[in-house]
Amino acid sequence: MPKKFHLALFALALLLGAPGPVRAVSIENAFSPQQGATDLILKTIGEAQQSVHVTAYFFTSWPIANALVKAHRRGAEVRLVLDSHQKYRRVIDYLRRNGIDARINNHYAIMHDKFIIVDQRTLETGSFNFTRAAEFENAENVLVVRDSPAVLGYERQWDKLWKEADKPFLCWF
């Protein structure tokens, strides 16, 4: 990034009263089909040290599920909020059997959110559903934003959705 851009971000962070050290915002993107979308999501989850908070409309991706289990085994708190229309439960059952808490949110006609927050500082968002079809059949996008104050707004929204989802997702195994 150009030096002027870094200085502008630093000045903006000071004006907003950012706590602690100021970091430059970084942004990555990827697309599907097979243009790096799943790989970028796996990379982002792989960076988790403390927490991974997920909202998902549909979740059927085994590679993403495995990355979440690995993050959980490294000691990160991993939690998912899912739409109540989740049809394919095998991946969710696998997550729950591996100690990951998943809840359904049925407060909306469709909970169409699709984002991941890692360590309260990295946001993955976009149109990409966490499914095999999203990676291999659909035209979808992924955007990863690191060290932006906007991440905190997504964390607040995730927390709201989590609290509304008072009913655990039941395993069907």
N, C-alpha and C. Protein backbone atom coordinates (compact mmCIF):
# COMPACT_ATOMS: atom_id res chain seq x y z
N MET A 1 0.84 -1.18 0.00
CA MET A 1 0.00 0.00 0.00
C MET A 1 0.89 1.24 0.00
N PRO A 2 0.44 2.29 -0.66
CA PRO A 2 1.22 3.52 -0.68
C PRO A 2 1.35 4.11 0.71
N LYS A 3 2.48 4.78 0.95
CA LYS A 3 2.76 5.37 2.26
C LYS A 3 1.67 6.35 2.68
N LYS A 4 1.16 7.14 1.75
CA LYS A 4 0.10 8.11 2.06
C LYS A 4 -1.14 7.40 2.60
N PHE A 5 -1.45 6.23 2.03
CA PHE A 5 -2.61 5.48 2.48
C PHE A 5 -2.42 4.99 3.91
N HIS A 6 -1.20 4.50 4.23
CA HIS A 6 -0.92 4.07 5.61
C HIS A 6 -1.06 5.23 6.58
N LEU A 7 -0.54 6.40 6.21
CA LEU A 7 -0.65 7.57 7.08
C LEU A 7 -2.10 7.98 7.28
N ALA A 8 -2.89 7.89 6.22
CA ALA A 8 -4.31 8.25 6.32
C ALA A 8 -5.03 7.28 7.26
N LEU A 9 -4.73 5.97 7.16
CA LEU A 9 -5.34 5.00 8.06
C LEU A 9 -4.92 5.24 9.50
N PHE A 10 -3.64 5.57 9.70
CA PHE A 10 -3.15 5.86 11.05
C PHE A 10 -3.88 7.08 11.63
N ALA A 11 -4.01 8.12 10.83
CA ALA A 11 -4.71 9.33 11.29
C ALA A 11 -6.18 9.03 11.60
N LEU A 12 -6.82 8.24 10.75
CA LEU A 12 -8.22 7.87 10.98
C LEU A 12 -8.36 7.07 12.27
N ALA A 13 -7.45 6.14 12.51
CA ALA A 13 -7.50 5.33 13.73
C ALA A 13 -7.33 6.22 14.96
N LEU A 14 -6.44 7.19 14.88
CA LEU A 14 -6.27 8.11 16.01
C LEU A 14 -7.53 8.91 16.26
N LEU A 15 -8.16 9.38 15.17
CA LEU A 15 -9.39 10.15 15.32
C LEU A 15 -10.51 9.31 15.92
N LEU A 16 -10.56 8.03 15.55
CA LEU A 16 -11.61 7.15 16.06
C LEU A 16 -11.29 6.62 17.45
N GLY A 17 -10.10 6.92 17.93
CA GLY A 17 -9.73 6.47 19.28
C GLY A 17 -9.48 4.99 19.35
N ALA A 18 -8.81 4.44 18.35
CA ALA A 18 -8.53 3.00 18.34
C ALA A 18 -7.65 2.63 19.52
N PRO A 19 -8.04 1.61 20.29
CA PRO A 19 -7.22 1.19 21.42
C PRO A 19 -5.99 0.44 20.95
N GLY A 20 -4.92 0.55 21.71
CA GLY A 20 -3.72 -0.23 21.44
C GLY A 20 -3.01 0.20 20.19
N PRO A 21 -2.08 -0.64 19.74
CA PRO A 21 -1.29 -0.29 18.56
C PRO A 21 -2.16 -0.25 17.31
N VAL A 22 -1.83 0.68 16.44
CA VAL A 22 -2.57 0.83 15.20
C VAL A 22 -1.92 -0.03 14.13
N ARG A 23 -2.71 -0.82 13.45
CA ARG A 23 -2.22 -1.68 12.37
C ARG A 23 -2.87 -1.22 11.08
N ALA A 24 -2.19 -1.45 10.01
CA ALA A 24 -2.75 -1.13 8.70
C ALA A 24 -3.80 -2.17 8.33
N VAL A 25 -4.90 -1.72 7.81
CA VAL A 25 -5.95 -2.61 7.34
C VAL A 25 -5.43 -3.37 6.12
N SER A 26 -5.69 -4.67 6.09
CA SER A 26 -5.34 -5.44 4.89
C SER A 26 -6.59 -6.13 4.37
N ILE A 27 -6.65 -6.28 3.06
CA ILE A 27 -7.82 -6.85 2.40
C ILE A 27 -7.35 -7.86 1.37
N GLU A 28 -7.99 -9.03 1.36
CA GLU A 28 -7.76 -10.05 0.34
C GLU A 28 -9.10 -10.46 -0.23
N ASN A 29 -9.10 -10.93 -1.47
CA ASN A 29 -10.34 -11.44 -2.05
C ASN A 29 -10.05 -12.67 -2.88
N ALA A 30 -11.11 -13.43 -3.09
CA ALA A 30 -11.04 -14.62 -3.94
C ALA A 30 -12.44 -14.91 -4.45
N PHE A 31 -12.50 -15.80 -5.43
CA PHE A 31 -13.77 -16.06 -6.11
C PHE A 31 -13.93 -17.55 -6.37
N SER A 32 -15.12 -17.91 -6.78
CA SER A 32 -15.39 -19.27 -7.21
C SER A 32 -16.15 -19.18 -8.53
N PRO A 33 -16.21 -20.26 -9.28
CA PRO A 33 -15.76 -21.59 -8.92
C PRO A 33 -14.24 -21.73 -9.06
N GLN A 34 -13.66 -22.41 -8.10
CA GLN A 34 -12.26 -22.84 -8.07
C GLN A 34 -11.28 -21.71 -8.40
N GLN A 35 -11.49 -20.56 -7.79
CA GLN A 35 -10.57 -19.45 -7.96
C GLN A 35 -10.02 -18.98 -6.61
N GLY A 36 -9.91 -19.92 -5.67
CA GLY A 36 -9.25 -19.63 -4.41
C GLY A 36 -10.15 -19.27 -3.24
N ALA A 37 -11.47 -19.29 -3.41
CA ALA A 37 -12.37 -18.87 -2.33
C ALA A 37 -12.23 -19.77 -1.10
N THR A 38 -12.36 -21.07 -1.28
CA THR A 38 -12.24 -21.97 -0.14
C THR A 38 -10.85 -21.89 0.47
N ASP A 39 -9.81 -21.81 -0.37
CA ASP A 39 -8.45 -21.71 0.15
C ASP A 39 -8.26 -20.48 1.02
N LEU A 40 -8.83 -19.34 0.63
CA LEU A 40 -8.71 -18.13 1.44
C LEU A 40 -9.44 -18.29 2.78
N ILE A 41 -10.59 -18.94 2.75
CA ILE A 41 -11.32 -19.19 4.00
C ILE A 41 -10.50 -20.11 4.91
N LEU A 42 -9.92 -21.16 4.35
CA LEU A 42 -9.10 -22.09 5.14
C LEU A 42 -7.89 -21.37 5.74
N LYS A 43 -7.26 -20.52 4.96
CA LYS A 43 -6.12 -19.73 5.45
C LYS A 43 -6.55 -18.85 6.62
N THR A 44 -7.70 -18.20 6.49
CA THR A 44 -8.20 -17.29 7.51
C THR A 44 -8.50 -18.05 8.81
N ILE A 45 -9.19 -19.17 8.71
CA ILE A 45 -9.47 -19.99 9.90
C ILE A 45 -8.17 -20.50 10.50
N GLY A 46 -7.22 -20.84 9.66
CA GLY A 46 -5.93 -21.34 10.12
C GLY A 46 -5.14 -20.34 10.95
N GLU A 47 -5.46 -19.06 10.84
CA GLU A 47 -4.79 -18.01 11.61
C GLU A 47 -5.36 -17.86 13.02
N ALA A 48 -6.48 -18.51 13.29
CA ALA A 48 -7.17 -18.34 14.57
C ALA A 48 -6.33 -18.83 15.74
N GLN A 49 -6.27 -18.00 16.77
CA GLN A 49 -5.60 -18.36 18.00
C GLN A 49 -6.56 -18.39 19.18
N GLN A 50 -7.60 -17.52 19.14
CA GLN A 50 -8.51 -17.41 20.28
C GLN A 50 -9.94 -17.78 19.95
N SER A 51 -10.45 -17.32 18.80
CA SER A 51 -11.87 -17.56 18.52
C SER A 51 -12.16 -17.56 17.02
N VAL A 52 -13.19 -18.33 16.68
CA VAL A 52 -13.74 -18.34 15.32
C VAL A 52 -15.26 -18.34 15.48
N HIS A 53 -15.89 -17.27 15.05
CA HIS A 53 -17.35 -17.14 15.13
C HIS A 53 -17.89 -17.14 13.71
N VAL A 54 -18.82 -18.05 13.44
CA VAL A 54 -19.32 -18.28 12.08
C VAL A 54 -20.82 -18.05 12.03
N THR A 55 -21.29 -17.38 10.99
CA THR A 55 -22.71 -17.40 10.64
C THR A 55 -22.81 -18.03 9.26
N ALA A 56 -23.81 -18.86 9.08
CA ALA A 56 -23.91 -19.56 7.80
C ALA A 56 -25.37 -19.81 7.44
N TYR A 57 -25.68 -19.57 6.19
CA TYR A 57 -26.99 -19.92 5.67
C TYR A 57 -27.04 -21.43 5.46
N PHE A 58 -26.16 -21.95 4.63
CA PHE A 58 -25.99 -23.40 4.47
C PHE A 58 -24.53 -23.73 4.74
N PHE A 59 -24.28 -24.90 5.32
CA PHE A 59 -22.93 -25.32 5.63
C PHE A 59 -22.80 -26.80 5.31
N THR A 60 -22.08 -27.10 4.21
CA THR A 60 -21.85 -28.50 3.83
C THR A 60 -20.39 -28.75 3.44
N SER A 61 -19.51 -27.79 3.64
CA SER A 61 -18.12 -27.90 3.20
C SER A 61 -17.27 -28.69 4.19
N TRP A 62 -16.81 -29.86 3.76
CA TRP A 62 -15.94 -30.66 4.61
C TRP A 62 -14.59 -29.99 4.84
N PRO A 63 -13.96 -29.38 3.83
CA PRO A 63 -12.68 -28.71 4.11
C PRO A 63 -12.81 -27.60 5.15
N ILE A 64 -13.87 -26.82 5.09
CA ILE A 64 -14.05 -25.74 6.07
C ILE A 64 -14.37 -26.34 7.44
N ALA A 65 -15.18 -27.39 7.48
CA ALA A 65 -15.48 -28.06 8.75
C ALA A 65 -14.20 -28.60 9.39
N ASN A 66 -13.33 -29.21 8.59
CA ASN A 66 -12.07 -29.73 9.13
C ASN A 66 -11.18 -28.62 9.66
N ALA A 67 -11.16 -27.47 8.98
CA ALA A 67 -10.37 -26.33 9.46
C ALA A 67 -10.91 -25.83 10.79
N LEU A 68 -12.23 -25.82 10.96
CA LEU A 68 -12.83 -25.40 12.23
C LEU A 68 -12.47 -26.38 13.36
N VAL A 69 -12.50 -27.67 13.07
CA VAL A 69 -12.13 -28.67 14.07
C VAL A 69 -10.66 -28.48 14.46
N LYS A 70 -9.78 -28.23 13.50
CA LYS A 70 -8.37 -28.00 13.81
C LYS A 70 -8.21 -26.76 14.69
N ALA A 71 -8.93 -25.70 14.38
CA ALA A 71 -8.86 -24.48 15.20
C ALA A 71 -9.33 -24.78 16.63
N HIS A 72 -10.40 -25.54 16.74
CA HIS A 72 -10.91 -25.93 18.07
C HIS A 72 -9.86 -26.74 18.83
N ARG A 73 -9.20 -27.66 18.15
CA ARG A 73 -8.18 -28.50 18.80
C ARG A 73 -6.95 -27.68 19.20
N ARG A 74 -6.71 -26.56 18.51
CA ARG A 74 -5.61 -25.65 18.89
C ARG A 74 -5.99 -24.80 20.10
N GLY A 75 -7.24 -24.89 20.53
CA GLY A 75 -7.67 -24.13 21.70
C GLY A 75 -8.53 -22.92 21.40
N ALA A 76 -8.86 -22.67 20.16
CA ALA A 76 -9.73 -21.54 19.81
C ALA A 76 -11.18 -21.90 20.13
N GLU A 77 -11.92 -20.92 20.61
CA GLU A 77 -13.35 -21.10 20.80
C GLU A 77 -14.00 -21.03 19.41
N VAL A 78 -14.68 -22.08 19.00
CA VAL A 78 -15.33 -22.12 17.69
C VAL A 78 -16.82 -22.31 17.91
N ARG A 79 -17.61 -21.36 17.36
CA ARG A 79 -19.07 -21.42 17.50
C ARG A 79 -19.71 -21.03 16.18
N LEU A 80 -20.83 -21.67 15.87
CA LEU A 80 -21.57 -21.40 14.64
C LEU A 80 -23.00 -21.04 14.93
N VAL A 81 -23.53 -20.09 14.17
CA VAL A 81 -24.96 -19.77 14.15
C VAL A 81 -25.42 -20.09 12.74
N LEU A 82 -26.44 -20.94 12.64
CA LEU A 82 -26.91 -21.41 11.35
C LEU A 82 -28.37 -21.02 11.12
N ASP A 83 -28.73 -20.87 9.87
CA ASP A 83 -30.12 -20.64 9.51
C ASP A 83 -30.93 -21.90 9.81
N SER A 84 -32.18 -21.71 10.13
CA SER A 84 -33.04 -22.84 10.49
C SER A 84 -33.37 -23.74 9.30
N HIS A 85 -33.06 -23.32 8.08
CA HIS A 85 -33.34 -24.13 6.89
C HIS A 85 -32.19 -25.07 6.53
N GLN A 86 -31.19 -25.18 7.39
CA GLN A 86 -30.06 -26.07 7.15
C GLN A 86 -30.60 -27.48 6.91
N LYS A 87 -30.39 -28.00 5.70
CA LYS A 87 -30.97 -29.30 5.33
C LYS A 87 -30.00 -30.46 5.52
N TYR A 88 -28.74 -30.24 5.22
CA TYR A 88 -27.77 -31.33 5.22
C TYR A 88 -27.00 -31.28 6.53
N ARG A 89 -27.23 -32.27 7.38
CA ARG A 89 -26.74 -32.19 8.75
C ARG A 89 -25.45 -32.96 9.00
N ARG A 90 -24.95 -33.70 8.05
CA ARG A 90 -23.78 -34.54 8.30
C ARG A 90 -22.58 -33.73 8.76
N VAL A 91 -22.31 -32.60 8.09
CA VAL A 91 -21.16 -31.78 8.46
C VAL A 91 -21.37 -31.15 9.83
N ILE A 92 -22.58 -30.68 10.10
CA ILE A 92 -22.87 -30.06 11.40
C ILE A 92 -22.77 -31.10 12.52
N ASP A 93 -23.27 -32.31 12.26
CA ASP A 93 -23.14 -33.38 13.25
C ASP A 93 -21.66 -33.66 13.55
N TYR A 94 -20.84 -33.68 12.49
CA TYR A 94 -19.39 -33.89 12.65
C TYR A 94 -18.78 -32.80 13.53
N LEU A 95 -19.15 -31.55 13.29
CA LEU A 95 -18.63 -30.45 14.11
C LEU A 95 -19.02 -30.62 15.57
N ARG A 96 -20.29 -30.93 15.80
CA ARG A 96 -20.78 -31.09 17.17
C ARG A 96 -20.12 -32.28 17.87
N ARG A 97 -19.92 -33.38 17.14
CA ARG A 97 -19.24 -34.54 17.74
C ARG A 97 -17.80 -34.20 18.12
N ASN A 98 -17.23 -33.19 17.49
CA ASN A 98 -15.87 -32.75 17.79
C ASN A 98 -15.84 -31.56 18.74
N GLY A 99 -16.93 -31.33 19.46
CA GLY A 99 -16.94 -30.33 20.52
C GLY A 99 -17.25 -28.91 20.12
N ILE A 100 -17.71 -28.72 18.90
CA ILE A 100 -18.01 -27.37 18.42
C ILE A 100 -19.49 -27.08 18.60
N ASP A 101 -19.78 -25.97 19.23
CA ASP A 101 -21.16 -25.58 19.51
C ASP A 101 -21.77 -24.94 18.26
N ALA A 102 -22.90 -25.46 17.82
CA ALA A 102 -23.64 -24.92 16.69
C ALA A 102 -25.09 -24.72 17.09
N ARG A 103 -25.61 -23.54 16.82
CA ARG A 103 -27.00 -23.23 17.13
C ARG A 103 -27.72 -22.79 15.87
N ILE A 104 -29.04 -22.97 15.89
CA ILE A 104 -29.84 -22.46 14.78
C ILE A 104 -30.56 -21.20 15.22
N ASN A 105 -30.68 -20.28 14.29
CA ASN A 105 -31.39 -19.03 14.55
C ASN A 105 -32.62 -19.04 13.65
N ASN A 106 -33.80 -19.10 14.27
CA ASN A 106 -35.04 -19.14 13.49
C ASN A 106 -35.86 -17.86 13.69
N HIS A 107 -35.20 -16.76 14.00
CA HIS A 107 -35.89 -15.49 14.24
C HIS A 107 -36.20 -14.72 12.96
N TYR A 108 -35.75 -15.21 11.83
CA TYR A 108 -35.91 -14.50 10.56
C TYR A 108 -36.46 -15.46 9.51
N ALA A 109 -37.11 -14.92 8.50
CA ALA A 109 -37.56 -15.77 7.40
C ALA A 109 -36.37 -16.54 6.83
N ILE A 110 -35.26 -15.84 6.63
CA ILE A 110 -33.99 -16.44 6.21
C ILE A 110 -32.87 -15.69 6.93
N MET A 111 -32.01 -16.41 7.62
CA MET A 111 -30.79 -15.80 8.16
C MET A 111 -29.72 -16.02 7.11
N HIS A 112 -29.59 -15.07 6.21
CA HIS A 112 -28.77 -15.22 5.03
C HIS A 112 -27.34 -14.73 5.24
N ASP A 113 -26.98 -14.38 6.46
CA ASP A 113 -25.62 -13.95 6.75
C ASP A 113 -24.64 -15.07 6.48
N LYS A 114 -23.47 -14.68 5.98
CA LYS A 114 -22.38 -15.63 5.72
C LYS A 114 -21.10 -14.90 6.06
N PHE A 115 -20.66 -15.02 7.30
CA PHE A 115 -19.38 -14.40 7.65
C PHE A 115 -18.71 -15.16 8.78
N ILE A 116 -17.40 -14.95 8.87
CA ILE A 116 -16.56 -15.56 9.89
C ILE A 116 -15.73 -14.44 10.52
N ILE A 117 -15.66 -14.46 11.85
CA ILE A 117 -14.81 -13.51 12.56
C ILE A 117 -13.75 -14.32 13.29
N VAL A 118 -12.50 -13.99 13.05
CA VAL A 118 -11.38 -14.69 13.67
C VAL A 118 -10.67 -13.74 14.64
N ASP A 119 -10.58 -14.16 15.89
CA ASP A 119 -9.86 -13.42 16.93
C ASP A 119 -10.31 -11.97 17.07
N GLN A 120 -11.53 -11.68 16.74
CA GLN A 120 -12.12 -10.35 16.82
C GLN A 120 -11.33 -9.28 16.06
N ARG A 121 -10.54 -9.72 15.07
CA ARG A 121 -9.79 -8.75 14.28
C ARG A 121 -9.79 -9.03 12.78
N THR A 122 -10.28 -10.21 12.40
CA THR A 122 -10.31 -10.58 10.98
C THR A 122 -11.73 -10.97 10.62
N LEU A 123 -12.20 -10.43 9.50
CA LEU A 123 -13.54 -10.71 9.01
C LEU A 123 -13.46 -11.34 7.63
N GLU A 124 -14.15 -12.48 7.47
CA GLU A 124 -14.37 -13.07 6.15
C GLU A 124 -15.85 -12.90 5.86
N THR A 125 -16.16 -12.34 4.70
CA THR A 125 -17.56 -12.15 4.32
C THR A 125 -17.67 -12.26 2.80
N GLY A 126 -18.87 -12.14 2.29
CA GLY A 126 -19.10 -12.21 0.86
C GLY A 126 -20.32 -13.07 0.57
N SER A 127 -20.50 -13.39 -0.68
CA SER A 127 -21.67 -14.17 -1.07
C SER A 127 -21.46 -15.67 -0.90
N PHE A 128 -20.23 -16.08 -0.62
CA PHE A 128 -19.85 -17.48 -0.58
C PHE A 128 -20.56 -18.23 0.54
N ASN A 129 -21.43 -19.18 0.17
CA ASN A 129 -22.00 -20.11 1.13
C ASN A 129 -20.93 -21.15 1.43
N PHE A 130 -20.90 -21.67 2.63
CA PHE A 130 -19.88 -22.63 3.03
C PHE A 130 -20.30 -24.02 2.56
N THR A 131 -20.34 -24.18 1.23
CA THR A 131 -20.83 -25.41 0.62
C THR A 131 -19.90 -25.86 -0.51
N ARG A 132 -20.03 -27.12 -0.86
CA ARG A 132 -19.30 -27.66 -2.01
C ARG A 132 -19.75 -26.96 -3.30
N ALA A 133 -21.05 -26.74 -3.42
CA ALA A 133 -21.58 -26.08 -4.63
C ALA A 133 -20.99 -24.68 -4.80
N ALA A 134 -20.81 -23.96 -3.71
CA ALA A 134 -20.23 -22.62 -3.81
C ALA A 134 -18.83 -22.67 -4.40
N GLU A 135 -18.06 -23.69 -4.04
CA GLU A 135 -16.69 -23.80 -4.53
C GLU A 135 -16.61 -24.32 -5.96
N PHE A 136 -17.48 -25.26 -6.33
CA PHE A 136 -17.31 -25.94 -7.60
C PHE A 136 -18.34 -25.58 -8.67
N GLU A 137 -19.46 -24.98 -8.31
CA GLU A 137 -20.52 -24.74 -9.30
C GLU A 137 -20.94 -23.29 -9.44
N ASN A 138 -20.88 -22.53 -8.36
CA ASN A 138 -21.45 -21.17 -8.36
C ASN A 138 -20.38 -20.11 -8.60
N ALA A 139 -20.83 -18.94 -9.03
CA ALA A 139 -19.97 -17.76 -9.08
C ALA A 139 -20.22 -17.00 -7.77
N GLU A 140 -19.24 -17.07 -6.86
CA GLU A 140 -19.38 -16.44 -5.55
C GLU A 140 -18.08 -15.72 -5.21
N ASN A 141 -18.13 -14.94 -4.12
CA ASN A 141 -16.95 -14.15 -3.75
C ASN A 141 -16.70 -14.22 -2.26
N VAL A 142 -15.42 -13.99 -1.91
CA VAL A 142 -14.96 -13.97 -0.53
C VAL A 142 -14.11 -12.71 -0.37
N LEU A 143 -14.34 -12.01 0.73
CA LEU A 143 -13.55 -10.83 1.07
C LEU A 143 -13.07 -11.00 2.50
N VAL A 144 -11.76 -10.87 2.72
CA VAL A 144 -11.18 -10.96 4.06
C VAL A 144 -10.58 -9.61 4.40
N VAL A 145 -11.02 -9.05 5.52
CA VAL A 145 -10.56 -7.75 5.99
C VAL A 145 -9.92 -7.95 7.36
N ARG A 146 -8.68 -7.49 7.49
CA ARG A 146 -7.97 -7.62 8.76
C ARG A 146 -7.71 -6.24 9.35
N ASP A 147 -7.86 -6.15 10.67
CA ASP A 147 -7.50 -4.95 11.44
C ASP A 147 -8.30 -3.72 11.06
N SER A 148 -9.57 -3.91 10.78
CA SER A 148 -10.47 -2.78 10.51
C SER A 148 -11.43 -2.62 11.68
N PRO A 149 -11.73 -1.38 12.06
CA PRO A 149 -12.73 -1.18 13.10
C PRO A 149 -14.10 -1.78 12.73
N ALA A 150 -14.35 -1.99 11.46
CA ALA A 150 -15.62 -2.57 11.01
C ALA A 150 -15.82 -3.99 11.53
N VAL A 151 -14.74 -4.69 11.83
CA VAL A 151 -14.85 -6.07 12.32
C VAL A 151 -15.67 -6.11 13.61
N LEU A 152 -15.52 -5.10 14.45
CA LEU A 152 -16.25 -5.09 15.72
C LEU A 152 -17.76 -5.02 15.52
N GLY A 153 -18.22 -4.32 14.48
CA GLY A 153 -19.64 -4.30 14.16
C GLY A 153 -20.16 -5.68 13.79
N TYR A 154 -19.36 -6.43 13.04
CA TYR A 154 -19.75 -7.80 12.70
C TYR A 154 -19.74 -8.69 13.94
N GLU A 155 -18.79 -8.48 14.84
CA GLU A 155 -18.76 -9.27 16.08
C GLU A 155 -20.00 -8.99 16.91
N ARG A 156 -20.42 -7.72 16.98
CA ARG A 156 -21.65 -7.40 17.72
C ARG A 156 -22.86 -8.07 17.07
N GLN A 157 -22.92 -8.07 15.74
CA GLN A 157 -24.03 -8.73 15.05
C GLN A 157 -24.00 -10.23 15.28
N TRP A 158 -22.81 -10.83 15.24
CA TRP A 158 -22.70 -12.26 15.49
C TRP A 158 -23.21 -12.57 16.91
N ASP A 159 -22.81 -11.77 17.88
CA ASP A 159 -23.23 -11.98 19.26
C ASP A 159 -24.75 -11.89 19.39
N LYS A 160 -25.37 -10.94 18.70
CA LYS A 160 -26.83 -10.80 18.70
C LYS A 160 -27.48 -12.06 18.13
N LEU A 161 -26.99 -12.53 16.98
CA LEU A 161 -27.54 -13.74 16.35
C LEU A 161 -27.35 -14.96 17.25
N TRP A 162 -26.20 -15.05 17.91
CA TRP A 162 -25.91 -16.16 18.81
C TRP A 162 -26.90 -16.17 19.98
N LYS A 163 -27.12 -15.01 20.57
CA LYS A 163 -28.02 -14.93 21.72
C LYS A 163 -29.47 -15.23 21.32
N GLU A 164 -29.87 -14.84 20.12
CA GLU A 164 -31.22 -15.17 19.64
C GLU A 164 -31.39 -16.66 19.41
N ALA A 165 -30.31 -17.33 19.05
CA ALA A 165 -30.34 -18.75 18.72
C ALA A 165 -30.26 -19.56 20.00
N ASP A 166 -31.35 -19.55 20.75
CA ASP A 166 -31.33 -20.17 22.06
C ASP A 166 -31.44 -21.68 22.01
N LYS A 167 -31.64 -22.23 20.84
CA LYS A 167 -31.85 -23.67 20.75
C LYS A 167 -30.66 -24.30 20.02
N PRO A 168 -29.98 -25.24 20.67
CA PRO A 168 -28.83 -25.92 20.01
C PRO A 168 -29.30 -26.69 18.78
N PHE A 169 -28.40 -26.78 17.81
CA PHE A 169 -28.67 -27.58 16.62
C PHE A 169 -28.54 -29.05 17.03
N LEU A 170 -29.61 -29.81 16.85
CA LEU A 170 -29.63 -31.20 17.29
C LEU A 170 -28.88 -32.11 16.32
N CYS A 171 -28.11 -33.02 16.87
CA CYS A 171 -27.43 -34.01 16.03
C CYS A 171 -28.41 -35.08 15.59
N TRP A 172 -28.18 -35.58 14.41
CA TRP A 172 -29.05 -36.64 13.85
C TRP A 172 -28.22 -37.87 13.51
N PHE A 173 -27.43 -38.33 14.46
CA PHE A 173 -26.62 -39.52 14.20
C PHE A 173 -26.98 -40.63 15.13
